[in-house]
Protein backbone atom coordinates (compact mmCIF):
# COMPACT_ATOMS: atom_id res chain seq x y z
CA MET A 1 36.08 -7.33 -8.23
CA LEU A 2 37.29 -10.55 -10.07
CA GLY A 3 35.52 -9.65 -13.38
CA PHE A 4 32.25 -8.58 -11.77
CA ARG A 5 30.51 -5.42 -12.89
CA GLU A 6 28.37 -3.05 -10.90
CA CYS A 7 24.61 -3.63 -11.18
CA SER A 8 23.30 -0.92 -13.55
CA VAL A 9 19.67 0.20 -14.05
CA GLU A 10 19.56 -1.85 -17.20
CA ASP A 11 20.95 -4.87 -15.37
CA SER A 12 18.12 -4.51 -12.69
CA GLU A 13 15.43 -4.38 -15.39
CA LYS A 14 16.89 -7.49 -17.04
CA LEU A 15 17.03 -9.20 -13.69
CA ILE A 16 13.41 -8.26 -12.89
CA ASP A 17 12.27 -9.51 -16.39
CA TRP A 18 14.24 -12.76 -15.75
CA LEU A 19 12.72 -13.16 -12.33
CA ILE A 20 9.16 -12.70 -13.67
CA ALA A 21 9.73 -15.21 -16.53
CA HIS A 22 11.59 -17.89 -14.45
CA VAL A 23 10.81 -17.54 -10.78
CA ALA A 24 8.09 -15.14 -9.60
CA ARG A 25 5.29 -16.82 -11.40
CA ALA A 26 5.64 -19.99 -9.25
CA GLU A 27 7.42 -18.59 -6.19
CA ARG A 28 5.83 -16.00 -4.09
CA ARG A 29 8.14 -16.00 -0.99
CA PRO A 30 10.34 -12.96 -1.22
CA GLU A 31 13.18 -14.61 0.67
CA LEU A 32 13.44 -17.39 -1.82
CA VAL A 33 13.17 -15.03 -4.80
CA ARG A 34 15.90 -13.03 -3.18
CA GLU A 35 18.27 -16.05 -3.09
CA VAL A 36 17.56 -16.85 -6.75
CA LEU A 37 18.23 -13.20 -7.68
CA LEU A 38 21.57 -13.29 -5.91
CA GLY A 39 22.44 -16.57 -7.69
CA ARG A 40 21.54 -14.97 -10.93
CA CYS A 41 23.76 -12.00 -10.24
CA ARG A 42 26.65 -14.42 -9.66
CA ASP A 43 25.92 -16.29 -12.92
CA GLU A 44 25.75 -12.96 -14.83
CA ARG A 45 28.92 -11.73 -13.04
CA ILE A 46 27.03 -8.71 -11.52
CA GLU A 47 28.00 -7.43 -8.15
CA PRO A 48 25.19 -8.07 -5.80
CA PRO A 49 23.12 -4.82 -5.34
CA THR A 50 22.63 -3.37 -1.93
CA PRO A 51 20.09 -5.15 0.37
CA ASP A 52 17.61 -2.28 -0.13
CA ARG A 53 17.92 -2.49 -3.92
CA VAL A 54 17.64 -6.30 -3.83
CA GLY A 55 14.46 -5.83 -1.87
CA ARG A 56 13.08 -3.36 -4.48
CA ILE A 57 14.01 -5.73 -7.32
CA VAL A 58 12.27 -8.61 -5.63
CA SER A 59 9.28 -6.56 -4.80
CA VAL A 60 8.87 -5.22 -8.37
CA ALA A 61 9.28 -8.69 -9.87
CA LEU A 62 6.68 -10.24 -7.53
CA TYR A 63 4.25 -7.30 -8.14
CA ARG A 64 4.62 -7.38 -11.93
CA ALA A 65 4.26 -11.24 -11.99
CA GLU A 66 1.17 -11.07 -9.86
CA GLU A 67 -0.30 -8.28 -12.16
CA THR A 68 0.48 -10.39 -15.20
CA LEU A 69 -1.38 -13.35 -13.69
CA PHE A 70 -4.36 -11.20 -12.77
CA ASP A 71 -4.49 -9.81 -16.25
CA ARG A 72 -4.37 -13.24 -17.81
CA ILE A 73 -7.13 -14.49 -15.50
CA ALA A 74 -9.30 -11.40 -16.11
CA GLY A 75 -8.73 -11.79 -19.88
CA ARG A 76 -10.28 -15.25 -19.66
CA LEU A 77 -13.39 -14.16 -17.89
CA ALA A 78 -16.70 -13.71 -19.86
CA ALA A 79 -18.91 -10.81 -18.89
CA PRO A 80 -21.10 -12.95 -16.55
CA GLN A 81 -18.19 -14.14 -14.56
CA SER A 82 -16.62 -10.70 -14.35
CA THR A 83 -19.87 -9.38 -13.04
CA ARG A 84 -20.08 -12.17 -10.54
CA VAL A 85 -16.55 -11.34 -9.25
CA ARG A 86 -17.55 -7.74 -8.73
CA GLU A 87 -20.60 -8.83 -6.87
CA LEU A 88 -18.46 -10.97 -4.57
CA VAL A 89 -16.04 -8.13 -3.93
CA ASP A 90 -18.96 -5.72 -3.17
CA ALA A 91 -20.37 -8.37 -0.81
CA ALA A 92 -17.12 -8.67 0.98
CA VAL A 93 -16.97 -4.86 1.43
CA ASP A 94 -20.48 -4.88 2.69
CA THR A 95 -19.70 -7.63 5.19
CA ALA A 96 -16.70 -5.73 6.39
CA VAL A 97 -18.66 -2.60 6.84
CA ASP A 98 -21.46 -4.43 8.70
CA GLU A 99 -18.88 -6.04 10.92
CA GLY A 100 -17.17 -2.72 11.55
CA ASP A 101 -13.90 -3.95 10.13
CA ALA A 102 -12.53 -0.67 8.78
CA ALA A 103 -9.04 -2.07 8.05
CA ALA A 104 -10.55 -4.65 5.67
CA VAL A 105 -12.62 -2.05 3.95
CA VAL A 106 -9.61 0.25 3.53
CA GLU A 107 -7.69 -2.57 1.98
CA LEU A 108 -10.49 -3.49 -0.43
CA ASP A 109 -11.08 0.21 -1.17
CA GLN A 110 -7.46 0.80 -1.91
CA ASP A 111 -7.40 -2.15 -4.33
CA ALA A 112 -10.46 -0.80 -6.09
CA VAL A 113 -8.99 2.74 -6.36
CA ASP A 114 -5.68 1.28 -7.61
CA ASP A 115 -7.49 -0.84 -10.15
CA ALA A 116 -9.40 2.25 -11.31
CA ASP A 117 -6.34 4.33 -11.52
CA ASP A 118 -4.58 1.57 -13.57
CA ALA A 119 -7.59 1.49 -16.05
CA GLY A 120 -7.34 5.32 -16.38
CA ALA A 121 -10.61 5.88 -14.66
CA ALA A 122 -11.29 8.42 -11.93
CA GLY A 123 -11.92 5.78 -9.30
CA ASP A 124 -14.79 3.95 -7.65
CA ALA A 125 -16.55 6.52 -5.56
CA GLY A 126 -19.25 4.09 -4.44
CA THR A 127 -16.54 1.85 -2.76
CA VAL A 128 -14.87 4.74 -1.10
CA THR A 129 -18.28 5.96 0.26
CA ARG A 130 -18.78 2.47 1.82
CA SER A 131 -15.46 2.93 3.72
CA ASP A 132 -16.60 6.42 4.88
CA ALA A 133 -19.70 4.77 6.29
CA ALA A 134 -17.44 2.34 8.23
CA GLY A 135 -15.42 5.13 9.62
CA ALA A 136 -12.52 4.67 7.25
CA GLY A 137 -12.58 8.00 5.63
CA PRO A 138 -10.14 10.01 3.65
CA GLU A 139 -7.72 10.30 6.51
CA LEU A 140 -7.18 6.54 6.29
CA LEU A 141 -7.18 6.26 2.49
CA GLY A 142 -4.99 9.37 2.11
CA SER A 143 -4.73 10.79 -1.41
CA ALA A 144 -6.35 7.63 -2.97
CA ALA A 145 -9.64 8.65 -1.49
CA SER A 146 -9.42 12.18 -2.79
CA ARG A 147 -8.55 10.89 -6.24
CA ALA A 148 -11.57 8.53 -6.21
CA ARG A 149 -14.05 11.32 -5.30
């Protein structure tokens, strides 16, 4: 198609890396990142991927850019600040439990389980226990809850 090539897996990874470096750090709206991605494909003479694949590329780029930002911020925190952040998160979970907001607890719990998994730990059983107390037990957390126990 007029000198354009099909988007390979390698092309996708390069596009993701480019989006992280040039777009996703500052732009968090998927629809705008998508437009930039399609423009980059044109510039690189790559056939536009399918809409589903474009969505996956954008999602991965946004996720990785966010994780990079979180890692940079966490790396700058001294131990007292890190402890304070954990206390604030625990307080948010406790407030959600007290208010019976099981959905908020599940979201906070899932983040804690994901963070523990990323760190290679078994999980934060104390956090999952709080969700159990709020009525958001393993059936809502799925396999994440069982991994954390």
